[in-house]
Amino acid sequence: MLANVASLTKGTRAGKVGVLKLLCCASDLPSAVRRGYLPSVGEQVTCPFDMQKVADFLPSCSQLTLYCAPDVALPDVGGHQLLIVESLRDRNYGTWAGTALQDIAPAEQLSFLSDALFSPPEGESFAACYQRTAQWLRDLEQVASAAVVLARPSIVRNLILQVLYAGDGVVGMGHAARLDVSPRSYSLLTGHAGRWRVGMVASPA
């Protein structure tokens, strides 16, 4: 059963700084996305979280903190602590949510796919979504030895982009186009004293 479910926008700030292995589990995609539709509002997707698989990537970790996006269905995590993190929610597509890309005007499609600052009506730009995800990682204090993120593939990609390109200035669509994070995959980040490294990207579940 869940040890704790809470709302969280930042990582825990108390305690001794240590080395943190952050295992990122990318969820399934909404079924409509595979047919060319943008994700609908309020839909939850499943995640490949499996304790045996986690143990393979994070050996010798008896206690974990799991950070789960609100648009990912909560898995059974045994006695581990589970925290709901609003900052790990997928991008807000505004009034375009649930719309087929082919039904969007060509000029708007081009802006959506190439301009990091473009926002769908009442929605969120790529840049805004990336920044809130990256900020969460920057705020995450490394007080434990291991933790798990359960989020959609685009959010896992944003976390990895923060590690790879944070020192390069603005992270945009060109950076995102260089990195694929498959649904139902695992990626591993290692952090110490605010410095992060990518240990693994998109290993199949």
C-alpha atoms as a PDB file:
ATOM      1  CA  MET A   1       0.000   0.000   0.000  1.00  0.00           C
ATOM      2  CA  LEU A   2       1.023   3.623  -0.441  1.00  0.00           C
ATOM      3  CA  ALA A   3       3.040   4.956   2.459  1.00  0.00           C
ATOM      4  CA  ASN A   4       2.226   8.570   1.675  1.00  0.00           C
ATOM      5  CA  VAL A   5       0.541  10.542  -1.085  1.00  0.00           C
ATOM      6  CA  ALA A   6       1.096  14.293  -1.079  1.00  0.00           C
ATOM      7  CA  SER A   7       1.198  17.288  -3.380  1.00  0.00           C
ATOM      8  CA  LEU A   8       4.706  18.481  -4.109  1.00  0.00           C
ATOM      9  CA  THR A   9       6.178  21.152  -6.346  1.00  0.00           C
ATOM     10  CA  LYS A  10       9.754  21.015  -5.079  1.00  0.00           C
ATOM     11  CA  GLY A  11      12.060  18.360  -3.748  1.00  0.00           C
ATOM     12  CA  THR A  12      12.778  17.880  -0.064  1.00  0.00           C
ATOM     13  CA  ARG A  13      15.156  20.542   1.184  1.00  0.00           C
ATOM     14  CA  ALA A  14      16.264  19.217   4.551  1.00  0.00           C
ATOM     15  CA  GLY A  15      19.056  16.826   5.275  1.00  0.00           C
ATOM     16  CA  LYS A  16      22.539  16.012   4.165  1.00  0.00           C
ATOM     17  CA  VAL A  17      23.507  16.385   0.517  1.00  0.00           C
ATOM     18  CA  GLY A  18      24.460  13.073  -1.038  1.00  0.00           C
ATOM     19  CA  VAL A  19      24.578  11.180  -4.309  1.00  0.00           C
ATOM     20  CA  LEU A  20      21.161  10.545  -5.812  1.00  0.00           C
ATOM     21  CA  LYS A  21      20.306   8.035  -8.515  1.00  0.00           C
ATOM     22  CA  LEU A  22      17.091   9.179 -10.172  1.00  0.00           C
ATOM     23  CA  LEU A  23      15.418   6.458 -12.229  1.00  0.00           C
ATOM     24  CA  CYS A  24      12.921   7.934 -14.695  1.00  0.00           C
ATOM     25  CA  CYS A  25      10.116   5.618 -15.843  1.00  0.00           C
ATOM     26  CA  ALA A  26       8.442   6.858 -19.018  1.00  0.00           C
ATOM     27  CA  SER A  27       4.774   5.949 -19.186  1.00  0.00           C
ATOM     28  CA  ASP A  28       2.629   4.764 -22.052  1.00  0.00           C
ATOM     29  CA  LEU A  29       1.317   7.361 -24.479  1.00  0.00           C
ATOM     30  CA  PRO A  30      -2.397   8.136 -24.572  1.00  0.00           C
ATOM     31  CA  SER A  31      -3.929   5.847 -27.191  1.00  0.00           C
ATOM     32  CA  ALA A  32      -5.134   8.758 -29.326  1.00  0.00           C
ATOM     33  CA  VAL A  33      -1.595  10.150 -29.680  1.00  0.00           C
ATOM     34  CA  ARG A  34      -0.611   7.162 -31.807  1.00  0.00           C
ATOM     35  CA  ARG A  35      -3.397   8.187 -34.203  1.00  0.00           C
ATOM     36  CA  GLY A  36      -2.094  11.741 -34.547  1.00  0.00           C
ATOM     37  CA  TYR A  37      -4.151  13.445 -31.838  1.00  0.00           C
ATOM     38  CA  LEU A  38      -2.860  15.685 -29.078  1.00  0.00           C
ATOM     39  CA  PRO A  39      -3.435  14.327 -25.542  1.00  0.00           C
ATOM     40  CA  SER A  40      -6.852  14.951 -24.017  1.00  0.00           C
ATOM     41  CA  VAL A  41      -7.381  16.741 -20.713  1.00  0.00           C
ATOM     42  CA  GLY A  42      -7.569  14.566 -17.609  1.00  0.00           C
ATOM     43  CA  GLU A  43      -6.484  11.290 -19.184  1.00  0.00           C
ATOM     44  CA  GLN A  44      -4.223   9.077 -17.077  1.00  0.00           C
ATOM     45  CA  VAL A  45      -1.816   6.579 -18.604  1.00  0.00           C
ATOM     46  CA  THR A  46      -0.142   3.509 -17.163  1.00  0.00           C
ATOM     47  CA  CYS A  47       3.541   3.278 -16.330  1.00  0.00           C
ATOM     48  CA  PRO A  48       5.891   0.271 -16.529  1.00  0.00           C
ATOM     49  CA  PHE A  49       6.901   0.584 -12.892  1.00  0.00           C
ATOM     50  CA  ASP A  50       8.028  -2.811 -11.637  1.00  0.00           C
ATOM     51  CA  MET A  51       9.924  -3.321  -8.402  1.00  0.00           C
ATOM     52  CA  GLN A  52      12.090  -6.089  -9.827  1.00  0.00           C
ATOM     53  CA  LYS A  53      13.091  -3.897 -12.761  1.00  0.00           C
ATOM     54  CA  VAL A  54      13.784  -0.992 -10.411  1.00  0.00           C
ATOM     55  CA  ALA A  55      15.949  -3.259  -8.267  1.00  0.00           C
ATOM     56  CA  ASP A  56      17.991  -4.141 -11.366  1.00  0.00           C
ATOM     57  CA  PHE A  57      18.770  -0.462 -11.982  1.00  0.00           C
ATOM     58  CA  LEU A  58      18.977   0.601  -8.331  1.00  0.00           C
ATOM     59  CA  PRO A  59      20.568  -2.290  -6.455  1.00  0.00           C
ATOM     60  CA  SER A  60      20.945  -2.137  -2.674  1.00  0.00           C
ATOM     61  CA  CYS A  61      18.205   0.482  -2.270  1.00  0.00           C
ATOM     62  CA  SER A  62      15.741  -0.671   0.332  1.00  0.00           C
ATOM     63  CA  GLN A  63      13.788   2.610   0.550  1.00  0.00           C
ATOM     64  CA  LEU A  64      12.737   4.760  -2.380  1.00  0.00           C
ATOM     65  CA  THR A  65      10.894   8.012  -2.882  1.00  0.00           C
ATOM     66  CA  LEU A  66       8.684   7.959  -5.970  1.00  0.00           C
ATOM     67  CA  TYR A  67       7.665  11.202  -7.671  1.00  0.00           C
ATOM     68  CA  CYS A  68       4.567  10.636  -9.799  1.00  0.00           C
ATOM     69  CA  ALA A  69       3.011  12.992 -12.346  1.00  0.00           C
ATOM     70  CA  PRO A  70      -0.729  13.556 -11.822  1.00  0.00           C
ATOM     71  CA  ASP A  71      -1.489  12.329 -15.371  1.00  0.00           C
ATOM     72  CA  VAL A  72       0.093   8.916 -14.702  1.00  0.00           C
ATOM     73  CA  ALA A  73      -1.956   6.198 -13.007  1.00  0.00           C
ATOM     74  CA  LEU A  74      -0.657   5.431  -9.528  1.00  0.00           C
ATOM     75  CA  PRO A  75       1.079   2.038  -9.378  1.00  0.00           C
ATOM     76  CA  ASP A  76       1.390  -0.269  -6.400  1.00  0.00           C
ATOM     77  CA  VAL A  77       4.688   0.778  -4.815  1.00  0.00           C
ATOM     78  CA  GLY A  78       4.630  -1.411  -1.747  1.00  0.00           C
ATOM     79  CA  GLY A  79       5.802   0.480   1.323  1.00  0.00           C
ATOM     80  CA  HIS A  80       7.717   3.176  -0.540  1.00  0.00           C
ATOM     81  CA  GLN A  81       6.873   6.857  -0.278  1.00  0.00           C
ATOM     82  CA  LEU A  82       4.857   8.221  -3.223  1.00  0.00           C
ATOM     83  CA  LEU A  83       4.558  11.961  -3.902  1.00  0.00           C
ATOM     84  CA  ILE A  84       2.344  13.565  -6.542  1.00  0.00           C
ATOM     85  CA  VAL A  85       4.286  16.289  -8.383  1.00  0.00           C
ATOM     86  CA  GLU A  86       2.291  18.834 -10.381  1.00  0.00           C
ATOM     87  CA  SER A  87       5.468  20.066 -12.093  1.00  0.00           C
ATOM     88  CA  LEU A  88       5.832  16.670 -13.790  1.00  0.00           C
ATOM     89  CA  ARG A  89       2.490  16.949 -15.595  1.00  0.00           C
ATOM     90  CA  ASP A  90       2.556  16.771 -19.408  1.00  0.00           C
ATOM     91  CA  ARG A  91       2.346  19.945 -21.470  1.00  0.00           C
ATOM     92  CA  ASN A  92      -0.982  21.804 -21.408  1.00  0.00           C
ATOM     93  CA  TYR A  93      -2.354  21.889 -24.964  1.00  0.00           C
ATOM     94  CA  GLY A  94      -5.193  24.259 -24.128  1.00  0.00           C
ATOM     95  CA  THR A  95      -8.139  24.200 -26.525  1.00  0.00           C
ATOM     96  CA  TRP A  96      -6.151  21.948 -28.867  1.00  0.00           C
ATOM     97  CA  ALA A  97      -6.248  19.052 -26.398  1.00  0.00           C
ATOM     98  CA  GLY A  98      -7.808  16.019 -28.071  1.00  0.00           C
ATOM     99  CA  THR A  99      -7.486  17.611 -31.540  1.00  0.00           C
ATOM    100  CA  ALA A 100      -5.897  15.880 -34.534  1.00  0.00           C
ATOM    101  CA  LEU A 101      -2.783  17.702 -35.735  1.00  0.00           C
ATOM    102  CA  GLN A 102      -4.036  17.480 -39.308  1.00  0.00           C
ATOM    103  CA  ASP A 103      -7.071  19.537 -38.310  1.00  0.00           C
ATOM    104  CA  ILE A 104      -4.892  22.457 -37.196  1.00  0.00           C
ATOM    105  CA  ALA A 105      -4.122  25.166 -39.757  1.00  0.00           C
ATOM    106  CA  PRO A 106      -0.753  24.584 -41.515  1.00  0.00           C
ATOM    107  CA  ALA A 107       0.789  27.838 -40.285  1.00  0.00           C
ATOM    108  CA  GLU A 108      -0.158  27.038 -36.689  1.00  0.00           C
ATOM    109  CA  GLN A 109       1.118  23.478 -37.092  1.00  0.00           C
ATOM    110  CA  LEU A 110       4.477  24.849 -38.221  1.00  0.00           C
ATOM    111  CA  SER A 111       4.683  27.210 -35.256  1.00  0.00           C
ATOM    112  CA  PHE A 112       3.671  24.438 -32.855  1.00  0.00           C
ATOM    113  CA  LEU A 113       6.371  22.102 -34.180  1.00  0.00           C
ATOM    114  CA  SER A 114       9.203  24.625 -34.557  1.00  0.00           C
ATOM    115  CA  ASP A 115       8.737  27.567 -32.179  1.00  0.00           C
ATOM    116  CA  ALA A 116       9.519  26.832 -28.523  1.00  0.00           C
ATOM    117  CA  LEU A 117       7.640  29.960 -27.416  1.00  0.00           C
ATOM    118  CA  PHE A 118       4.438  29.214 -29.329  1.00  0.00           C
ATOM    119  CA  SER A 119       1.419  28.360 -27.152  1.00  0.00           C
ATOM    120  CA  PRO A 120      -1.821  26.755 -28.316  1.00  0.00           C
ATOM    121  CA  PRO A 121      -4.873  28.843 -27.347  1.00  0.00           C
ATOM    122  CA  GLU A 122      -5.188  28.776 -23.537  1.00  0.00           C
ATOM    123  CA  GLY A 123      -2.282  26.336 -23.461  1.00  0.00           C
ATOM    124  CA  GLU A 124       1.405  26.141 -22.680  1.00  0.00           C
ATOM    125  CA  SER A 125       4.486  26.562 -24.846  1.00  0.00           C
ATOM    126  CA  PHE A 126       7.237  23.980 -25.111  1.00  0.00           C
ATOM    127  CA  ALA A 127       9.532  26.443 -23.343  1.00  0.00           C
ATOM    128  CA  ALA A 128       7.160  26.904 -20.398  1.00  0.00           C
ATOM    129  CA  CYS A 129       6.667  23.161 -19.985  1.00  0.00           C
ATOM    130  CA  TYR A 130      10.405  22.546 -20.187  1.00  0.00           C
ATOM    131  CA  GLN A 131      11.200  25.287 -17.671  1.00  0.00           C
ATOM    132  CA  ARG A 132       8.819  24.001 -14.981  1.00  0.00           C
ATOM    133  CA  THR A 133      10.148  20.464 -15.419  1.00  0.00           C
ATOM    134  CA  ALA A 134      13.771  21.594 -15.370  1.00  0.00           C
ATOM    135  CA  GLN A 135      13.148  23.822 -12.353  1.00  0.00           C
ATOM    136  CA  TRP A 136      11.803  20.860 -10.417  1.00  0.00           C
ATOM    137  CA  LEU A 137      15.028  18.965 -11.077  1.00  0.00           C
ATOM    138  CA  ARG A 138      17.135  21.969 -10.096  1.00  0.00           C
ATOM    139  CA  ASP A 139      15.180  22.255  -6.838  1.00  0.00           C
ATOM    140  CA  LEU A 140      15.439  18.577  -6.004  1.00  0.00           C
ATOM    141  CA  GLU A 141      17.781  18.232  -3.051  1.00  0.00           C
ATOM    142  CA  GLN A 142      19.868  15.074  -3.071  1.00  0.00           C
ATOM    143  CA  VAL A 143      19.170  13.822   0.432  1.00  0.00           C
ATOM    144  CA  ALA A 144      18.534  10.167  -0.450  1.00  0.00           C
ATOM    145  CA  SER A 145      20.474   7.570  -2.395  1.00  0.00           C
ATOM    146  CA  ALA A 146      17.719   6.666  -4.864  1.00  0.00           C
ATOM    147  CA  ALA A 147      14.414   7.959  -6.209  1.00  0.00           C
ATOM    148  CA  VAL A 148      12.065   7.235  -9.091  1.00  0.00           C
ATOM    149  CA  VAL A 149      10.147   9.541 -11.429  1.00  0.00           C
ATOM    150  CA  LEU A 150       6.949   8.270 -13.061  1.00  0.00           C
ATOM    151  CA  ALA A 151       5.995  10.604 -15.916  1.00  0.00           C
ATOM    152  CA  ARG A 152       5.133  10.784 -19.585  1.00  0.00           C
ATOM    153  CA  PRO A 153       7.945  10.400 -22.156  1.00  0.00           C
ATOM    154  CA  SER A 154       8.059  14.115 -23.009  1.00  0.00           C
ATOM    155  CA  ILE A 155       8.610  15.003 -19.354  1.00  0.00           C
ATOM    156  CA  VAL A 156      11.380  12.419 -18.952  1.00  0.00           C
ATOM    157  CA  ARG A 157      12.933  13.924 -22.088  1.00  0.00           C
ATOM    158  CA  ASN A 158      12.772  17.385 -20.493  1.00  0.00           C
ATOM    159  CA  LEU A 159      14.621  16.141 -17.418  1.00  0.00           C
ATOM    160  CA  ILE A 160      17.355  14.667 -19.583  1.00  0.00           C
ATOM    161  CA  LEU A 161      17.570  17.849 -21.673  1.00  0.00           C
ATOM    162  CA  GLN A 162      18.114  19.835 -18.482  1.00  0.00           C
ATOM    163  CA  VAL A 163      21.112  17.655 -17.656  1.00  0.00           C
ATOM    164  CA  LEU A 164      22.568  17.654 -21.191  1.00  0.00           C
ATOM    165  CA  TYR A 165      22.027  21.253 -22.268  1.00  0.00           C
ATOM    166  CA  ALA A 166      21.458  23.414 -19.187  1.00  0.00           C
ATOM    167  CA  GLY A 167      24.828  25.084 -19.652  1.00  0.00           C
ATOM    168  CA  ASP A 168      24.152  25.914 -23.315  1.00  0.00           C
ATOM    169  CA  GLY A 169      21.625  28.671 -22.686  1.00  0.00           C
ATOM    170  CA  VAL A 170      18.030  28.373 -23.945  1.00  0.00           C
ATOM    171  CA  VAL A 171      16.857  24.817 -24.584  1.00  0.00           C
ATOM    172  CA  GLY A 172      14.577  24.743 -27.620  1.00  0.00           C
ATOM    173  CA  MET A 173      12.882  22.507 -30.142  1.00  0.00           C
ATOM    174  CA  GLY A 174      16.176  21.714 -31.865  1.00  0.00           C
ATOM    175  CA  HIS A 175      17.532  20.222 -28.647  1.00  0.00           C
ATOM    176  CA  ALA A 176      14.361  18.190 -28.116  1.00  0.00           C
ATOM    177  CA  ALA A 177      14.554  16.850 -31.676  1.00  0.00           C
ATOM    178  CA  ARG A 178      17.918  15.238 -30.876  1.00  0.00           C
ATOM    179  CA  LEU A 179      16.544  13.050 -28.113  1.00  0.00           C
ATOM    180  CA  ASP A 180      13.941  10.288 -28.255  1.00  0.00           C
ATOM    181  CA  VAL A 181      12.505   8.828 -25.056  1.00  0.00           C
ATOM    182  CA  SER A 182      10.388   5.799 -25.857  1.00  0.00           C
ATOM    183  CA  PRO A 183       7.163   5.041 -23.990  1.00  0.00           C
ATOM    184  CA  ARG A 184       7.572   2.312 -21.371  1.00  0.00           C
ATOM    185  CA  SER A 185      11.302   2.869 -20.978  1.00  0.00           C
ATOM    186  CA  TYR A 186      13.752   3.646 -18.180  1.00  0.00           C
ATOM    187  CA  SER A 187      16.366   6.399 -18.045  1.00  0.00           C
ATOM    188  CA  LEU A 188      18.854   7.050 -15.250  1.00  0.00           C
ATOM    189  CA  LEU A 189      20.233  10.353 -13.947  1.00  0.00           C
ATOM    190  CA  THR A 190      22.852  10.669 -11.228  1.00  0.00           C
ATOM    191  CA  GLY A 191      23.203  13.846  -9.213  1.00  0.00           C
ATOM    192  CA  HIS A 192      25.615  15.135  -6.605  1.00  0.00           C
ATOM    193  CA  ALA A 193      25.817  18.666  -5.151  1.00  0.00           C
ATOM    194  CA  GLY A 194      23.665  20.074  -7.942  1.00  0.00           C
ATOM    195  CA  ARG A 195      25.653  18.430 -10.741  1.00  0.00           C
ATOM    196  CA  TRP A 196      23.891  15.818 -12.862  1.00  0.00           C
ATOM    197  CA  ARG A 197      25.008  13.131 -15.289  1.00  0.00           C
ATOM    198  CA  VAL A 198      23.035  10.968 -17.706  1.00  0.00           C
ATOM    199  CA  GLY A 199      23.716   7.310 -17.010  1.00  0.00           C
ATOM    200  CA  MET A 200      21.179   5.656 -19.307  1.00  0.00           C
ATOM    201  CA  VAL A 201      18.527   6.721 -21.824  1.00  0.00           C
ATOM    202  CA  ALA A 202      15.359   4.866 -22.809  1.00  0.00           C
ATOM    203  CA  SER A 203      16.211   1.316 -21.838  1.00  0.00           C
ATOM    204  CA  PRO A 204      13.186  -0.883 -22.692  1.00  0.00           C
ATOM    205  CA  ALA A 205      10.936  -1.882 -19.810  1.00  0.00           C
END
